[in-house]
């Protein structure tokens, strides 16, 4: 039996001082030119092997969140979130009502 999906909504404000990108974002993936898939957990390698068709999609990026970052991000999760992402000196910090998380990840594609 499949688990029920939980939908999370996030209003994201980005301040990327490295690339001088600033703004508020809330966009459905069907309207995006590029889609990012964010993976986390202990089964990432197995998932990546099973989903090899993703590698053929030029508009899809796949990012793996580091385990420590995953634990920190879990503390920020709410059904509806107001988040602030600050990027400076290639360090990513996500701030929410419940605290903050340092985001470390690896791009798989």
Protein backbone atom coordinates (compact mmCIF):
# COMPACT_ATOMS: atom_id res chain seq x y z
CA UNK A 1 0.00 0.00 0.00
CA UNK A 2 1.35 3.40 -0.99
CA UNK A 3 1.80 6.13 1.56
CA UNK A 4 -0.29 9.27 1.19
CA UNK A 5 1.61 12.27 -0.13
CA UNK A 6 1.95 15.36 2.03
CA UNK A 7 1.90 18.60 0.10
CA UNK A 8 4.12 21.42 1.32
CA UNK A 9 3.79 24.97 0.05
CA UNK A 10 6.71 27.35 0.35
CA UNK A 11 6.96 31.02 -0.47
CA UNK A 12 10.65 31.51 -1.07
CA UNK A 13 12.56 34.77 -0.98
CA UNK A 14 16.06 34.49 -2.42
CA UNK A 15 18.97 36.80 -1.80
CA UNK A 16 21.89 35.42 -3.82
CA UNK A 17 24.72 37.87 -3.24
CA UNK A 18 27.17 35.74 -5.26
CA UNK A 19 25.20 36.07 -8.53
CA UNK A 20 23.20 39.21 -7.64
CA UNK A 21 19.83 37.46 -7.95
CA UNK A 22 17.06 38.66 -5.66
CA UNK A 23 13.34 37.97 -5.59
CA UNK A 24 10.29 36.09 -4.39
CA UNK A 25 9.49 32.72 -5.96
CA UNK A 26 6.49 30.44 -6.04
CA UNK A 27 6.20 28.75 -9.42
CA UNK A 28 4.72 25.49 -10.63
CA UNK A 29 7.20 23.19 -12.35
CA UNK A 30 5.06 22.91 -15.51
CA UNK A 31 5.79 26.60 -16.22
CA UNK A 32 9.54 26.34 -15.63
CA UNK A 33 12.15 26.01 -18.34
CA UNK A 34 14.33 24.01 -15.96
CA UNK A 35 13.13 21.54 -13.34
CA UNK A 36 15.17 20.71 -10.25
CA UNK A 37 14.73 17.39 -8.48
CA UNK A 38 16.05 17.40 -4.93
CA UNK A 39 16.88 14.00 -3.46
CA UNK A 40 17.81 13.05 0.09
CA UNK A 41 18.03 10.08 2.39
CA UNK A 42 19.75 6.74 2.50
CA UNK A 43 18.37 5.36 -0.79
CA UNK A 44 19.62 8.04 -3.18
CA UNK A 45 22.16 5.84 -4.97
CA UNK A 46 19.59 3.10 -5.58
CA UNK A 47 16.99 5.65 -6.77
CA UNK A 48 19.54 7.22 -9.14
CA UNK A 49 20.33 3.81 -10.69
CA UNK A 50 16.63 2.93 -11.16
CA UNK A 51 15.72 6.29 -12.72
CA UNK A 52 18.34 6.44 -15.45
CA UNK A 53 15.86 7.99 -17.93
CA UNK A 54 16.20 11.28 -16.05
CA UNK A 55 19.76 11.49 -17.38
CA UNK A 56 18.35 11.95 -20.90
CA UNK A 57 16.33 15.05 -19.97
CA UNK A 58 18.31 18.20 -20.69
CA UNK A 59 15.99 20.50 -18.69
CA UNK A 60 16.21 18.49 -15.43
CA UNK A 61 18.78 19.08 -12.70
CA UNK A 62 19.21 16.56 -9.87
CA UNK A 63 20.63 17.67 -6.52
CA UNK A 64 21.46 15.49 -3.52
CA UNK A 65 21.19 17.11 -0.08
CA UNK A 66 23.85 16.10 2.45
CA UNK A 67 22.57 14.06 5.43
CA UNK A 68 23.38 16.77 7.99
CA UNK A 69 21.52 19.35 5.92
CA UNK A 70 18.53 17.01 5.62
CA UNK A 71 18.26 16.80 9.40
CA UNK A 72 18.42 20.59 9.71
CA UNK A 73 15.85 21.12 6.95
CA UNK A 74 13.40 18.71 8.60
CA UNK A 75 13.23 21.10 11.54
CA UNK A 76 12.01 23.91 9.25
CA UNK A 77 9.19 21.95 7.57
CA UNK A 78 5.60 23.08 7.90
CA UNK A 79 2.63 22.58 5.57
CA UNK A 80 2.84 26.27 4.60
CA UNK A 81 6.23 27.95 4.87
CA UNK A 82 7.73 31.40 4.47
CA UNK A 83 11.42 30.83 3.73
CA UNK A 84 14.39 33.08 3.10
CA UNK A 85 17.40 31.67 1.22
CA UNK A 86 20.65 33.59 1.59
CA UNK A 87 23.60 32.74 -0.64
CA UNK A 88 26.94 34.36 0.07
CA UNK A 89 30.47 33.12 -0.61
CA UNK A 90 28.94 29.89 -2.00
CA UNK A 91 27.30 29.10 1.35
CA UNK A 92 23.54 28.51 1.37
CA UNK A 93 21.48 29.28 4.47
CA UNK A 94 17.73 28.72 4.60
CA UNK A 95 15.79 30.58 7.28
CA UNK A 96 12.25 29.86 8.40
CA UNK A 97 9.97 30.55 11.33
CA UNK A 98 11.39 27.53 13.19
CA UNK A 99 15.08 28.33 12.72
CA UNK A 100 17.72 28.01 10.04
CA UNK A 101 19.58 25.32 8.11
CA UNK A 102 22.88 25.30 6.29
CA UNK A 103 22.29 23.63 2.95
CA UNK A 104 25.09 21.48 1.54
CA UNK A 105 24.47 19.52 -1.62
CA UNK A 106 26.00 17.83 -4.63
CA UNK A 107 24.73 18.18 -8.18
CA UNK A 108 24.19 14.71 -9.68
CA UNK A 109 22.99 16.09 -13.05
